């Protein structure tokens, strides 16, 4: 039987081994088997607003810790590439800037904004130089509206992860979303990244943990839909609450939907409300710690602070309290596995099966 086997029959299945949340060795495995192979959020188009823009960043700092950069080259093509000079490994860009080229501050090697090697002083005598290995490593960029994603190892096409979500809310004005740094936040949580994700993946706890959210959602109508590498929780609003004005072409037309809660494997949460998107990125920082970034994109400012999409910081603090106590509890010698609610924990069961699949 495969390691971490999860029975596909949720009614018979037991939850994944607590080793996933407590073992440094398994977290190290996840780095290459899960995070290096999946698609990851890397920012938004506002970070490279004009030709010549250079935006350095670290992909999953504390986990993959890969130095990368975004550029908008002379042809207005957005590029993602390694931020490491191919000579001696120095970082090329230290902070966001604008330039027609990338010049290493260590020994003067120059690259174009498309990552191609251009010149290097004192290298005339070097044989078989330059080669393709002297160019910067290029990474694929997947764009949805203003959101950007990449992967270190292109094992999967992005549509396998994002396709169902994009089709379901194709009517949303993603290209007009305005990033609001003043509404965005970063939370440091004393719990394993997977515990944080599986808490998100079920509405089972809402009546017990989130009094404010429970007041605006019809818990009895809460549903979960599973896809291959993603899933969707649909939050139905109570009568007279702020809900989406759905177009006739939406498969949900006629429903009072207060929120679409999409999760994309392994660590991305797309929470759509009538006012816009609260995008949550869960970044592992240790076996029992993670960093959760809330990035806010607004479509309709007049609806901010209303309905299911209000009070998000309070909901976050309530979730933190629970998952941090679970992190303590799963270390108990008296706890090994739990069981799933067939009606309410399909998302958590789905997540555990994917963890088992990727960890092998």
Protein backbone atom coordinates (compact mmCIF):
# COMPACT_ATOMS: atom_id res chain seq x y z
CA UNK A 1 0.00 0.00 0.00
CA UNK A 2 1.40 3.45 -0.89
CA UNK A 3 2.71 5.64 1.88
CA UNK A 4 0.05 8.00 3.31
CA UNK A 5 -2.68 5.99 1.57
CA UNK A 6 -6.08 7.71 1.70
CA UNK A 7 -9.07 5.54 0.83
CA UNK A 8 -10.90 7.12 -2.13
CA UNK A 9 -14.17 6.23 -0.39
CA UNK A 10 -14.59 9.11 2.03
CA UNK A 11 -17.01 7.09 4.15
CA UNK A 12 -14.30 4.50 4.82
CA UNK A 13 -11.24 6.76 4.82
CA UNK A 14 -9.05 7.90 7.69
CA UNK A 15 -7.29 11.27 7.70
CA UNK A 16 -3.66 11.55 6.61
CA UNK A 17 -0.83 10.62 8.97
CA UNK A 18 0.16 13.33 11.45
CA UNK A 19 3.74 12.95 10.17
CA UNK A 20 2.75 15.33 7.37
CA UNK A 21 2.41 18.12 9.96
CA UNK A 22 5.30 17.21 12.25
CA UNK A 23 8.15 15.69 10.23
CA UNK A 24 10.94 17.98 8.92
CA UNK A 25 11.90 15.21 6.46
CA UNK A 26 8.43 15.18 4.90
CA UNK A 27 8.44 18.98 4.65
CA UNK A 28 11.74 18.71 2.78
CA UNK A 29 10.19 16.13 0.44
CA UNK A 30 7.27 18.46 -0.18
CA UNK A 31 9.67 21.16 -1.36
CA UNK A 32 10.58 19.22 -4.50
CA UNK A 33 7.59 16.90 -4.95
CA UNK A 34 4.83 19.45 -4.33
CA UNK A 35 6.00 23.06 -4.49
CA UNK A 36 8.66 22.84 -7.21
CA UNK A 37 6.30 20.99 -9.56
CA UNK A 38 3.10 23.00 -9.00
CA UNK A 39 2.09 26.45 -10.25
CA UNK A 40 2.79 29.28 -7.82
CA UNK A 41 1.59 32.88 -7.55
CA UNK A 42 4.36 35.40 -8.28
CA UNK A 43 2.59 38.76 -8.25
CA UNK A 44 0.56 41.00 -10.54
CA UNK A 45 1.11 43.03 -13.68
CA UNK A 46 1.22 46.28 -11.71
CA UNK A 47 4.71 45.31 -10.54
CA UNK A 48 6.06 45.74 -14.10
CA UNK A 49 4.05 48.76 -15.30
CA UNK A 50 6.22 49.90 -18.24
CA UNK A 51 8.85 48.71 -20.71
CA UNK A 52 12.15 48.33 -18.88
CA UNK A 53 10.54 47.42 -15.55
CA UNK A 54 12.54 44.95 -13.45
CA UNK A 55 10.96 43.35 -10.40
CA UNK A 56 13.07 40.93 -8.28
CA UNK A 57 11.40 38.57 -5.80
CA UNK A 58 11.99 35.32 -3.95
CA UNK A 59 9.69 32.42 -4.78
CA UNK A 60 8.31 30.93 -1.54
CA UNK A 61 10.87 32.52 0.76
CA UNK A 62 11.72 30.07 3.52
CA UNK A 63 10.70 27.05 1.43
CA UNK A 64 11.86 27.02 -2.21
CA UNK A 65 13.72 30.30 -1.62
CA UNK A 66 14.39 30.71 -5.37
CA UNK A 67 15.61 34.18 -6.51
CA UNK A 68 13.62 35.22 -9.59
CA UNK A 69 12.71 38.40 -11.42
CA UNK A 70 10.02 39.76 -13.69
CA UNK A 71 10.87 42.04 -16.61
CA UNK A 72 8.90 43.82 -19.31
CA UNK A 73 11.23 43.74 -22.32
CA UNK A 74 11.45 46.11 -25.31
CA UNK A 75 8.69 44.17 -27.09
CA UNK A 76 6.38 44.63 -24.05
CA UNK A 77 6.64 40.92 -23.32
CA UNK A 78 6.46 39.93 -19.68
CA UNK A 79 9.25 37.55 -18.68
CA UNK A 80 10.06 35.51 -15.60
CA UNK A 81 13.62 34.28 -15.16
CA UNK A 82 16.38 33.47 -12.72
CA UNK A 83 17.81 36.43 -10.82
CA UNK A 84 21.20 34.72 -10.50
CA UNK A 85 24.17 35.69 -12.69
CA UNK A 86 25.50 32.73 -14.69
CA UNK A 87 29.11 33.74 -13.94
CA UNK A 88 29.54 33.45 -10.18
CA UNK A 89 26.01 33.35 -8.81
CA UNK A 90 25.53 36.94 -7.68
CA UNK A 91 22.00 38.33 -7.58
CA UNK A 92 21.43 40.61 -10.56
CA UNK A 93 18.67 42.89 -9.33
CA UNK A 94 18.42 43.82 -5.67
CA UNK A 95 15.28 45.97 -5.80
CA UNK A 96 12.60 47.06 -8.31
CA UNK A 97 14.01 49.39 -10.96
CA UNK A 98 13.88 50.38 -14.63
CA UNK A 99 16.66 49.68 -17.16
CA UNK A 100 17.28 48.48 -20.70
CA UNK A 101 19.50 45.64 -19.47
CA UNK A 102 20.57 43.58 -16.47
CA UNK A 103 24.17 44.25 -15.40
CA UNK A 104 25.80 42.19 -12.66
CA UNK A 105 27.34 44.43 -9.99
CA UNK A 106 30.00 41.84 -9.20
CA UNK A 107 31.96 41.48 -12.48
CA UNK A 108 29.91 43.38 -15.05
CA UNK A 109 28.22 40.56 -16.99
CA UNK A 110 25.30 41.97 -19.01
CA UNK A 111 22.01 40.35 -20.01
CA UNK A 112 19.08 41.59 -22.05
CA UNK A 113 15.68 41.90 -20.42
CA UNK A 114 14.80 38.69 -22.25
CA UNK A 115 17.55 36.91 -20.27
CA UNK A 116 20.00 36.42 -23.13
CA UNK A 117 23.71 36.89 -22.47
CA UNK A 118 25.05 40.08 -24.08
CA UNK A 119 28.59 40.78 -22.89
CA UNK A 120 31.26 40.05 -20.32
CA UNK A 121 34.55 41.92 -19.70
CA UNK A 122 37.90 40.08 -19.66
CA UNK A 123 36.51 36.90 -21.26
CA UNK A 124 38.11 36.98 -24.74
CA UNK A 125 40.37 34.03 -23.99
CA UNK A 126 37.63 31.74 -22.68
CA UNK A 127 36.98 28.84 -25.05
CA UNK A 128 33.54 27.79 -26.24
CA UNK A 129 31.96 30.92 -24.83
CA UNK A 130 29.21 32.01 -24.66
CA UNK A 131 26.79 29.07 -24.83
CA UNK A 132 23.10 28.70 -23.98
CA UNK A 133 24.19 27.95 -20.40
CA UNK A 134 25.29 31.58 -20.09
CA UNK A 135 21.73 32.84 -20.65
CA UNK A 136 19.43 33.25 -17.68
CA UNK A 137 17.05 30.35 -17.03
CA UNK A 138 13.58 31.22 -18.37
CA UNK A 139 10.41 30.19 -16.54
CA UNK A 140 6.89 30.02 -17.97
CA UNK A 141 4.44 32.78 -17.07
CA UNK A 142 0.73 32.13 -16.82
CA UNK A 143 -1.47 35.23 -16.67
CA UNK A 144 -5.08 35.43 -15.53
CA UNK A 145 -6.29 39.01 -15.64
CA UNK A 146 -3.60 40.82 -13.65
CA UNK A 147 -2.48 37.77 -11.64
CA UNK A 148 0.78 36.03 -12.54
CA UNK A 149 1.93 32.45 -11.90
CA UNK A 150 4.97 30.32 -12.69
CA UNK A 151 6.37 26.85 -12.03
CA UNK A 152 9.97 25.72 -11.54
CA UNK A 153 9.32 22.39 -13.26
CA UNK A 154 6.65 22.43 -15.94
CA UNK A 155 5.18 19.00 -15.24
CA UNK A 156 1.61 20.24 -15.61
CA UNK A 157 -0.12 22.69 -17.90
CA UNK A 158 -1.73 25.57 -15.97
CA UNK A 159 -5.22 24.75 -17.24
CA UNK A 160 -5.17 21.57 -15.13
CA UNK A 161 -5.00 23.76 -12.03
CA UNK A 162 -6.89 26.91 -13.00
CA UNK A 163 -9.18 25.84 -15.85
CA UNK A 164 -12.38 25.03 -13.94
CA UNK A 165 -12.13 28.20 -11.86
CA UNK A 166 -11.53 30.43 -14.87
CA UNK A 167 -14.49 28.92 -16.71
CA UNK A 168 -16.84 29.17 -13.72
CA UNK A 169 -16.24 32.90 -13.15
CA UNK A 170 -15.34 33.89 -16.73
CA UNK A 171 -17.78 36.81 -16.48
CA UNK A 172 -15.76 38.54 -13.75
CA UNK A 173 -13.71 41.61 -14.88
CA UNK A 174 -10.34 40.12 -13.89
CA UNK A 175 -8.45 42.48 -16.23
CA UNK A 176 -9.96 45.48 -14.39
CA UNK A 177 -9.16 44.32 -10.86
CA UNK A 178 -7.27 46.97 -8.88
CA UNK A 179 -4.64 45.71 -6.44
CA UNK A 180 -5.04 47.36 -3.04
CA UNK A 181 -1.88 47.15 -0.96
CA UNK A 182 -3.63 49.16 1.79
CA UNK A 183 -6.14 46.32 2.23
CA UNK A 184 -3.61 43.48 1.87
CA UNK A 185 -2.02 41.79 4.89
CA UNK A 186 0.52 39.17 5.96
CA UNK A 187 -0.13 36.77 8.85
CA UNK A 188 2.42 34.56 10.60
CA UNK A 189 0.76 31.37 11.81
CA UNK A 190 2.22 28.85 14.27
CA UNK A 191 0.96 25.83 12.35
CA UNK A 192 1.95 23.59 9.45
CA UNK A 193 0.92 24.93 6.04
CA UNK A 194 -1.21 21.85 5.32
CA UNK A 195 -3.23 22.31 8.52
CA UNK A 196 -4.05 25.85 7.44
CA UNK A 197 -5.15 24.64 3.99
CA UNK A 198 -7.34 21.80 5.22
CA UNK A 199 -9.10 24.16 7.64
CA UNK A 200 -9.99 26.35 4.66
CA UNK A 201 -11.29 23.37 2.71
CA UNK A 202 -14.40 22.69 4.77
CA UNK A 203 -17.30 24.84 5.86
CA UNK A 204 -17.99 22.34 8.64
CA UNK A 205 -16.38 24.60 11.26
CA UNK A 206 -18.13 27.85 10.24
CA UNK A 207 -21.05 27.66 12.73
CA UNK A 208 -18.66 26.81 15.56
CA UNK A 209 -15.75 29.19 14.81
CA UNK A 210 -17.04 32.09 12.70
CA UNK A 211 -20.10 33.69 14.26
CA UNK A 212 -20.01 36.74 11.98
CA UNK A 213 -19.60 34.72 8.78
CA UNK A 214 -22.25 32.23 9.84
CA UNK A 215 -24.72 35.11 10.19
CA UNK A 216 -24.54 35.92 6.46
CA UNK A 217 -24.11 32.43 4.94
CA UNK A 218 -26.83 29.82 4.60
CA UNK A 219 -24.92 26.90 6.12
CA UNK A 220 -27.51 24.36 5.03
CA UNK A 221 -26.96 25.28 1.37
CA UNK A 222 -23.13 25.32 1.55
CA UNK A 223 -21.70 22.97 -1.11
CA UNK A 224 -18.29 21.68 -2.26
CA UNK A 225 -17.34 20.74 -5.83
CA UNK A 226 -14.15 18.77 -6.57
CA UNK A 227 -11.88 19.11 -9.62
CA UNK A 228 -8.59 17.37 -10.40
CA UNK A 229 -6.21 19.85 -8.75
CA UNK A 230 -8.68 22.35 -7.32
CA UNK A 231 -12.06 22.58 -5.67
CA UNK A 232 -14.84 25.07 -5.03
CA UNK A 233 -16.96 25.88 -2.00
CA UNK A 234 -20.07 27.87 -2.85
CA UNK A 235 -21.37 30.17 -0.13
CA UNK A 236 -25.10 30.93 -0.47
CA UNK A 237 -26.14 34.22 1.11
CA UNK A 238 -29.16 34.63 3.35
CA UNK A 239 -32.15 36.65 2.21
CA UNK A 240 -31.42 40.33 1.47
CA UNK A 241 -27.65 39.85 1.92
CA UNK A 242 -25.14 41.29 -0.58
CA UNK A 243 -24.73 38.68 -3.34
CA UNK A 244 -23.41 38.50 -6.90
CA UNK A 245 -25.52 39.88 -9.71
CA UNK A 246 -24.93 36.83 -11.87
CA UNK A 247 -25.22 37.02 -15.67
CA UNK A 248 -27.56 34.68 -17.51
CA UNK A 249 -24.59 32.68 -18.93
CA UNK A 250 -23.41 31.74 -15.43
CA UNK A 251 -24.24 28.12 -14.45
CA UNK A 252 -25.22 29.58 -11.05
CA UNK A 253 -27.71 32.11 -12.47
CA UNK A 254 -30.68 32.50 -10.14
CA UNK A 255 -28.75 31.59 -6.95
CA UNK A 256 -27.97 34.02 -4.13
CA UNK A 257 -24.22 33.48 -4.09
CA UNK A 258 -22.38 35.51 -1.47
CA UNK A 259 -18.95 34.03 -2.13
CA UNK A 260 -17.03 31.66 -4.37
CA UNK A 261 -14.20 29.98 -2.45
CA UNK A 262 -11.77 28.32 -4.87
CA UNK A 263 -8.74 26.41 -3.66
CA UNK A 264 -5.95 25.49 -6.10
CA UNK A 265 -3.40 22.85 -5.11
CA UNK A 266 -1.27 23.11 -3.16
CA UNK A 267 -1.49 26.48 -1.39
CA UNK A 268 -3.68 29.06 -3.16
CA UNK A 269 -7.13 30.34 -2.19
CA UNK A 270 -9.23 32.56 -4.44
CA UNK A 271 -12.10 34.11 -2.47
CA UNK A 272 -14.47 35.99 -4.79
CA UNK A 273 -16.99 38.41 -3.33
CA UNK A 274 -19.26 40.98 -5.02
CA UNK A 275 -16.59 43.62 -4.31
CA UNK A 276 -13.64 41.64 -5.71
CA UNK A 277 -11.02 39.02 -4.84
CA UNK A 278 -9.24 38.22 -1.61
CA UNK A 279 -6.38 36.00 -2.77
CA UNK A 280 -4.66 33.99 -0.03
CA UNK A 281 -1.23 32.40 -0.47
CA UNK A 282 0.01 29.94 2.18
CA UNK A 283 3.82 29.81 2.32
CA UNK A 284 5.54 27.15 4.47
CA UNK A 285 8.28 28.61 6.67
CA UNK A 286 8.93 25.61 8.92
CA UNK A 287 7.43 22.28 9.89
CA UNK A 288 5.08 24.02 12.33
CA UNK A 289 4.94 27.58 10.91
CA UNK A 290 3.61 29.25 7.81
CA UNK A 291 3.14 32.73 6.37
CA UNK A 292 -0.27 33.60 4.92
CA UNK A 293 -0.48 36.50 2.48
CA UNK A 294 -3.82 38.19 1.78
CA UNK A 295 -3.69 40.06 -1.55
CA UNK A 296 -6.78 42.17 -2.24
CA UNK A 297 -8.03 43.04 -5.74
CA UNK A 298 -11.13 45.25 -5.99
CA UNK A 299 -13.77 45.26 -8.76
CA UNK A 300 -16.49 47.31 -7.04
CA UNK A 301 -15.39 49.54 -4.17
CA UNK A 302 -18.99 50.44 -3.27
CA UNK A 303 -19.51 46.91 -1.90
CA UNK A 304 -16.40 46.76 0.28
CA UNK A 305 -17.14 45.89 3.90
CA UNK A 306 -20.44 44.22 3.05
CA UNK A 307 -21.69 40.63 3.10
CA UNK A 308 -19.53 37.51 3.36
CA UNK A 309 -16.49 39.47 2.17
CA UNK A 310 -16.46 41.75 5.22
CA UNK A 311 -14.52 41.23 8.44
CA UNK A 312 -11.87 39.06 6.77
CA UNK A 313 -9.22 39.91 9.36
CA UNK A 314 -11.52 38.69 12.16
CA UNK A 315 -12.20 35.46 10.27
CA UNK A 316 -8.44 34.99 9.83
CA UNK A 317 -7.76 35.43 13.55
CA UNK A 318 -10.48 32.91 14.38
CA UNK A 319 -8.94 30.41 11.93
CA UNK A 320 -5.47 31.01 13.34
CA UNK A 321 -6.59 30.20 16.86
CA UNK A 322 -8.04 26.88 15.75
CA UNK A 323 -5.18 25.66 13.53
CA UNK A 324 -2.52 26.67 16.04
CA UNK A 325 -4.26 24.58 18.69
CA UNK A 326 -4.61 21.69 16.22
CA UNK A 327 -0.83 21.90 15.62
CA UNK A 328 -0.37 21.29 19.35
CA UNK A 329 -3.01 18.57 19.46
CA UNK A 330 -1.72 16.42 16.61
CA UNK A 331 1.56 15.91 18.50
CA UNK A 332 -0.32 14.00 21.18
CA UNK A 333 0.57 10.33 21.63
CA UNK A 334 -3.17 9.68 21.82
CA UNK A 335 -4.00 10.99 18.33
CA UNK A 336 -3.08 9.35 15.04
CA UNK A 337 -5.97 9.51 12.55
CA UNK A 338 -9.47 10.94 12.43
CA UNK A 339 -12.45 10.29 10.14
CA UNK A 340 -14.22 12.54 7.61
CA UNK A 341 -17.74 13.92 7.56
CA UNK A 342 -19.07 12.57 4.26
CA UNK A 343 -21.31 15.60 3.83
CA UNK A 344 -18.97 18.38 4.99
CA UNK A 345 -15.32 17.35 4.55
CA UNK A 346 -15.05 16.38 0.88
CA UNK A 347 -12.52 19.18 0.32
CA UNK A 348 -10.23 18.05 3.12
CA UNK A 349 -10.43 14.43 1.92
CA UNK A 350 -9.57 15.61 -1.62
CA UNK A 351 -6.57 17.59 -0.32
CA UNK A 352 -5.26 14.64 1.66
CA UNK A 353 -5.52 12.39 -1.41
CA UNK A 354 -3.50 14.90 -3.44
CA UNK A 355 -0.86 15.13 -0.71
CA UNK A 356 -0.57 11.35 -0.73
CA UNK A 357 -0.36 11.31 -4.54
CA UNK A 358 2.40 13.93 -4.77
CA UNK A 359 4.42 12.65 -1.83
CA UNK A 360 4.26 9.21 -3.40
